[in-house]
Amino acid sequence: MDKQEIGIVGLGRMGGGLARLALEKGMRVVGSSRGGASAELKAAGIVAINDVAGFRDELTSPRVVVLYIPAGPAVDTVLDALTESLEPGDIIADGGNSYWGDSIMRHRRLQDKRVQFVDLGTSGGLSGARQGACFMVGGEPEAVRTVEPILKHLAVPGGYVHAGPPGAGHFVKLVHNGIEFGMLQAIGEGFDLLEHYHEALDIGAVLDCWRHGSVIRSWLIDLLADAYHSDPQLRKVSSYIEDTGEVNWLVGDALRMEVPVPVIASSVMQLFASR
């Protein structure tokens, strides 16, 4: 690795999990969070700072600071604060689920301040944050060359791609989320069919079989099988599932691009209907 340190803004479930992973891999981690670093992270060795201005003193140039905060105005607020204290050539990577068009504009805005911006689509959920994530990166080659060794160190083997120019990382992650919606809908419909067969099926065994060698084996099937074994009637599953509206962006993009996405669009509508 070229750099053995990283700054993280947002030490919640995703940012905190990646911070723990980085520390376990021997990296120096400097972290800032609205609620402060947890006692667990402090015990693991994170360098906690109270204000993002502290990254300038705690990290060496070119500094790499990753954001794991909710998409929207909060990202711009943190970017403004960071660019006030960082130096030319430093890099900010947005690891949240920001809209790709916003990432393109943020890249242009930070260019004026000579701070580099990378949009960092992150997949793998909480387990990925702790055990190795999947990263989809958008950005200029110079900036990506600096962050790439760090991200590959924190990714599962093969779970890294420089997808393209600014905006590409978050666009690819958005498409990924749309595919996930479609897969979840298909799995739900298939599960419903299993339960409506005219004879009782050993659904738990069927799900376990599907996890091994079948064409549809996947982490999503694994999660369903685990949930089914712990709660065969699925009584603990919420009847109302919130979403952040990201896949709605993708459906809107598809309409503008005139690219048909009937499965993804239908899955969004089914989510609304399920409520």
Protein backbone atom coordinates (compact mmCIF):
# COMPACT_ATOMS: atom_id res chain seq x y z
CA MET A 1 0.00 0.00 0.00
CA ASP A 2 1.13 3.52 -0.77
CA LYS A 3 -0.79 4.95 2.20
CA GLN A 4 -1.45 3.26 5.52
CA GLU A 5 -4.01 5.72 6.83
CA ILE A 6 -7.51 6.94 6.12
CA GLY A 7 -9.95 9.52 7.47
CA ILE A 8 -13.62 8.64 7.89
CA VAL A 9 -16.55 11.02 8.45
CA GLY A 10 -19.58 9.17 9.82
CA LEU A 11 -18.85 6.34 12.22
CA GLY A 12 -22.26 4.68 12.14
CA ARG A 13 -22.88 1.13 11.05
CA MET A 14 -21.14 1.37 7.66
CA GLY A 15 -18.42 3.91 8.44
CA GLY A 16 -17.79 2.42 11.86
CA GLY A 17 -17.60 -1.09 10.43
CA LEU A 18 -15.07 -0.07 7.78
CA ALA A 19 -13.08 1.80 10.43
CA ARG A 20 -12.87 -1.39 12.50
CA LEU A 21 -11.83 -3.40 9.44
CA ALA A 22 -9.13 -0.88 8.54
CA LEU A 23 -7.78 -0.90 12.10
CA GLU A 24 -7.69 -4.70 12.11
CA LYS A 25 -5.70 -4.59 8.88
CA GLY A 26 -3.10 -2.38 10.52
CA MET A 27 -4.16 0.94 9.06
CA ARG A 28 -4.21 4.18 11.00
CA VAL A 29 -7.76 5.55 11.07
CA VAL A 30 -8.80 9.09 11.96
CA GLY A 31 -12.52 9.45 12.48
CA SER A 32 -15.13 12.12 13.00
CA SER A 33 -18.81 11.62 13.71
CA ARG A 34 -21.69 13.76 14.86
CA GLY A 35 -22.15 11.55 17.92
CA GLY A 36 -18.44 10.96 18.44
CA ALA A 37 -16.53 7.70 18.14
CA SER A 38 -17.88 4.77 20.12
CA ALA A 39 -15.99 3.35 23.07
CA GLU A 40 -15.46 0.20 21.01
CA LEU A 41 -13.78 2.14 18.19
CA LYS A 42 -11.63 4.08 20.63
CA ALA A 43 -10.53 0.85 22.25
CA ALA A 44 -9.68 -0.53 18.80
CA GLY A 45 -7.33 2.41 18.24
CA ILE A 46 -9.17 5.01 16.18
CA VAL A 47 -7.88 8.57 16.40
CA ALA A 48 -11.09 10.44 17.20
CA ILE A 49 -11.41 14.12 16.30
CA ASN A 50 -14.23 16.45 17.24
CA ASP A 51 -14.22 18.51 14.07
CA VAL A 52 -13.41 17.71 10.43
CA ALA A 53 -10.80 20.46 10.49
CA GLY A 54 -8.69 18.05 12.54
CA PHE A 55 -8.02 15.87 9.50
CA ARG A 56 -5.49 18.42 8.28
CA ASP A 57 -3.27 17.91 11.32
CA GLU A 58 -3.87 14.18 11.81
CA LEU A 59 -3.39 12.95 8.24
CA THR A 60 -0.44 13.28 5.90
CA SER A 61 -0.72 14.75 2.42
CA PRO A 62 -2.29 13.73 0.11
CA ARG A 63 -5.05 13.11 2.65
CA VAL A 64 -7.84 10.62 1.92
CA VAL A 65 -11.12 11.27 3.72
CA VAL A 66 -14.15 9.02 3.11
CA LEU A 67 -17.71 10.09 3.89
CA TYR A 68 -20.32 7.64 5.15
CA ILE A 69 -23.21 9.98 5.80
CA PRO A 70 -26.77 10.14 4.41
CA ALA A 71 -27.16 11.40 0.85
CA GLY A 72 -28.43 14.93 0.36
CA PRO A 73 -27.62 18.35 1.82
CA ALA A 74 -25.55 16.86 4.65
CA VAL A 75 -22.94 15.78 2.11
CA ASP A 76 -22.57 19.33 0.78
CA THR A 77 -22.34 20.72 4.32
CA VAL A 78 -19.49 18.35 5.16
CA LEU A 79 -17.77 18.98 1.83
CA ASP A 80 -17.81 22.73 2.47
CA ALA A 81 -16.32 22.23 5.95
CA LEU A 82 -13.65 19.85 4.68
CA THR A 83 -12.55 22.01 1.78
CA GLU A 84 -11.99 24.89 4.19
CA SER A 85 -9.26 22.92 5.96
CA LEU A 86 -7.87 20.45 3.45
CA GLU A 87 -5.06 21.29 1.06
CA PRO A 88 -4.77 21.10 -2.74
CA GLY A 89 -4.38 17.51 -3.89
CA ASP A 90 -6.23 16.01 -0.93
CA ILE A 91 -9.04 13.59 -1.80
CA ILE A 92 -12.61 13.30 -0.53
CA ALA A 93 -14.51 10.12 -1.36
CA ASP A 94 -18.28 9.98 -0.90
CA GLY A 95 -19.12 6.41 0.12
CA GLY A 96 -22.83 7.06 0.65
CA ASN A 97 -25.67 6.48 -1.78
CA SER A 98 -25.59 9.92 -3.39
CA TYR A 99 -27.19 10.55 -6.76
CA TRP A 100 -24.62 10.29 -9.54
CA GLY A 101 -25.61 13.64 -11.05
CA ASP A 102 -24.91 15.32 -7.71
CA SER A 103 -21.50 13.63 -7.64
CA ILE A 104 -20.59 15.08 -11.03
CA MET A 105 -21.49 18.57 -9.82
CA ARG A 106 -19.58 18.09 -6.56
CA HIS A 107 -16.51 17.00 -8.49
CA ARG A 108 -16.66 20.18 -10.56
CA ARG A 109 -17.20 22.34 -7.49
CA LEU A 110 -14.26 20.85 -5.62
CA GLN A 111 -12.06 21.22 -8.69
CA ASP A 112 -12.26 24.97 -8.21
CA LYS A 113 -10.74 24.50 -4.75
CA ARG A 114 -8.16 22.02 -6.08
CA VAL A 115 -9.48 19.25 -3.84
CA GLN A 116 -10.07 15.95 -5.62
CA PHE A 117 -13.42 14.16 -5.39
CA VAL A 118 -14.21 10.47 -5.83
CA ASP A 119 -17.67 8.92 -5.81
CA LEU A 120 -17.46 5.60 -4.03
CA GLY A 121 -20.35 3.18 -4.44
CA THR A 122 -20.17 0.68 -1.59
CA SER A 123 -21.97 -2.66 -1.44
CA GLY A 124 -21.92 -5.62 0.91
CA GLY A 125 -24.00 -4.28 3.75
CA LEU A 126 -22.88 -4.37 7.36
CA SER A 127 -21.06 -7.67 6.95
CA GLY A 128 -19.16 -6.22 4.00
CA ALA A 129 -18.13 -3.25 6.09
CA ARG A 130 -16.68 -5.61 8.68
CA GLN A 131 -15.29 -8.37 6.47
CA GLY A 132 -14.54 -6.72 3.16
CA ALA A 133 -16.71 -4.54 0.95
CA CYS A 134 -17.40 -4.23 -2.77
CA PHE A 135 -16.33 -0.83 -4.11
CA MET A 136 -17.43 0.85 -7.35
CA VAL A 137 -15.36 3.97 -7.98
CA GLY A 138 -15.89 6.99 -10.18
CA GLY A 139 -13.26 9.69 -10.53
CA GLU A 140 -10.28 11.11 -12.34
CA PRO A 141 -7.35 8.68 -12.78
CA GLU A 142 -4.97 10.73 -10.60
CA ALA A 143 -7.30 10.71 -7.61
CA VAL A 144 -8.23 7.06 -8.07
CA ARG A 145 -4.57 6.01 -8.17
CA THR A 146 -4.17 7.39 -4.67
CA VAL A 147 -7.26 5.81 -3.12
CA GLU A 148 -7.11 2.51 -5.00
CA PRO A 149 -4.53 0.76 -2.78
CA ILE A 150 -6.53 1.68 0.32
CA LEU A 151 -9.83 0.48 -1.15
CA LYS A 152 -8.39 -2.77 -2.47
CA HIS A 153 -7.02 -3.41 1.01
CA LEU A 154 -10.54 -3.02 2.42
CA ALA A 155 -12.37 -4.90 -0.36
CA VAL A 156 -13.07 -8.58 -0.77
CA PRO A 157 -10.84 -10.18 -3.45
CA GLY A 158 -12.06 -8.95 -6.82
CA GLY A 159 -14.53 -6.56 -5.17
CA TYR A 160 -13.11 -3.35 -6.63
CA VAL A 161 -13.62 -1.55 -9.93
CA HIS A 162 -12.74 1.88 -11.24
CA ALA A 163 -15.98 2.14 -13.18
CA GLY A 164 -15.24 5.36 -15.02
CA PRO A 165 -15.10 9.16 -14.72
CA PRO A 166 -16.74 11.25 -11.97
CA GLY A 167 -20.30 10.09 -11.33
CA ALA A 168 -19.71 6.58 -12.69
CA GLY A 169 -19.22 4.99 -9.28
CA HIS A 170 -22.53 6.17 -7.91
CA PHE A 171 -24.32 5.42 -11.19
CA VAL A 172 -23.05 1.83 -11.19
CA LYS A 173 -24.08 1.47 -7.54
CA LEU A 174 -27.54 2.82 -8.40
CA VAL A 175 -27.93 0.24 -11.17
CA HIS A 176 -26.73 -2.39 -8.67
CA ASN A 177 -29.48 -1.32 -6.26
CA GLY A 178 -32.10 -1.56 -9.01
CA ILE A 179 -30.97 -5.09 -9.85
CA GLU A 180 -31.16 -5.95 -6.16
CA PHE A 181 -34.79 -4.70 -6.04
CA GLY A 182 -35.68 -6.92 -9.01
CA MET A 183 -33.97 -9.95 -7.48
CA LEU A 184 -35.71 -9.42 -4.15
CA GLN A 185 -39.08 -9.20 -5.89
CA ALA A 186 -38.45 -12.41 -7.85
CA ILE A 187 -37.31 -14.23 -4.71
CA GLY A 188 -40.41 -13.03 -2.85
CA GLU A 189 -42.71 -14.21 -5.63
CA GLY A 190 -40.96 -17.57 -5.80
CA PHE A 191 -41.22 -18.02 -2.04
CA ASP A 192 -44.95 -17.26 -2.26
CA LEU A 193 -45.34 -19.99 -4.89
CA LEU A 194 -43.56 -22.51 -2.67
CA GLU A 195 -45.97 -21.77 0.15
CA HIS A 196 -49.01 -22.18 -2.13
CA TYR A 197 -48.11 -25.61 -3.51
CA HIS A 198 -50.98 -28.07 -3.01
CA GLU A 199 -48.85 -30.23 -0.70
CA ALA A 200 -46.62 -29.14 2.19
CA LEU A 201 -43.04 -28.59 1.07
CA ASP A 202 -39.90 -28.63 3.17
CA ILE A 203 -39.20 -25.03 2.27
CA GLY A 204 -36.19 -24.73 4.59
CA ALA A 205 -34.53 -27.68 2.87
CA VAL A 206 -35.40 -26.27 -0.56
CA LEU A 207 -33.76 -22.94 0.32
CA ASP A 208 -30.68 -24.73 1.64
CA CYS A 209 -30.47 -26.73 -1.58
CA TRP A 210 -30.71 -23.57 -3.65
CA ARG A 211 -27.71 -22.20 -1.77
CA HIS A 212 -25.46 -24.93 -3.17
CA GLY A 213 -24.78 -25.09 -6.89
CA SER A 214 -28.09 -23.70 -8.16
CA VAL A 215 -28.23 -20.98 -10.79
CA ILE A 216 -30.00 -18.67 -8.31
CA ARG A 217 -27.61 -19.20 -5.40
CA SER A 218 -26.80 -15.81 -3.93
CA TRP A 219 -26.31 -13.84 -0.73
CA LEU A 220 -29.97 -12.85 -0.92
CA ILE A 221 -31.02 -16.52 -0.92
CA ASP A 222 -28.62 -17.08 1.99
CA LEU A 223 -30.29 -14.28 3.95
CA LEU A 224 -33.76 -15.65 3.23
CA ALA A 225 -32.75 -19.16 4.27
CA ASP A 226 -31.23 -17.89 7.51
CA ALA A 227 -34.33 -15.83 8.28
CA TYR A 228 -36.63 -18.75 7.49
CA HIS A 229 -34.76 -21.17 9.75
CA SER A 230 -34.88 -18.74 12.68
CA ASP A 231 -38.53 -17.74 12.04
CA PRO A 232 -40.32 -20.29 9.78
CA GLN A 233 -43.56 -18.28 9.72
CA LEU A 234 -41.63 -15.07 9.06
CA ARG A 235 -43.65 -13.36 11.76
CA LYS A 236 -40.72 -11.12 12.68
CA VAL A 237 -40.51 -9.58 9.22
CA SER A 238 -41.86 -6.04 9.12
CA SER A 239 -44.96 -5.51 7.02
CA TYR A 240 -43.69 -2.01 6.17
CA ILE A 241 -40.29 -1.66 4.54
CA GLU A 242 -38.88 1.85 4.26
CA ASP A 243 -36.62 2.84 1.38
CA THR A 244 -34.40 5.80 0.69
CA GLY A 245 -35.84 6.50 -2.76
CA GLU A 246 -32.62 5.67 -4.60
CA VAL A 247 -34.13 3.21 -7.04
CA ASN A 248 -36.80 5.81 -7.84
CA TRP A 249 -33.91 7.88 -9.22
CA LEU A 250 -32.94 4.97 -11.44
CA VAL A 251 -36.47 4.56 -12.81
CA GLY A 252 -36.49 8.29 -13.60
CA ASP A 253 -33.08 7.99 -15.30
CA ALA A 254 -34.33 5.06 -17.37
CA LEU A 255 -37.33 7.10 -18.56
CA ARG A 256 -35.05 9.95 -19.65
CA MET A 257 -32.64 7.52 -21.33
CA GLU A 258 -35.57 5.66 -22.93
CA VAL A 259 -34.18 2.38 -21.60
CA PRO A 260 -36.93 -0.09 -20.61
CA VAL A 261 -36.58 -1.43 -17.05
CA PRO A 262 -39.92 -3.20 -16.48
CA VAL A 263 -38.69 -5.57 -13.76
CA ILE A 264 -36.97 -2.86 -11.71
CA ALA A 265 -39.89 -0.43 -12.12
CA SER A 266 -42.41 -3.11 -11.18
CA SER A 267 -40.40 -4.07 -8.10
CA VAL A 268 -40.56 -0.45 -6.89
CA MET A 269 -44.32 -0.38 -7.40
CA GLN A 270 -44.69 -3.70 -5.56
CA LEU A 271 -42.74 -2.25 -2.63
CA PHE A 272 -45.21 0.63 -2.48
CA ALA A 273 -48.16 -1.77 -2.76
CA SER A 274 -46.83 -3.96 0.06
CA ARG A 275 -47.21 -1.05 2.48
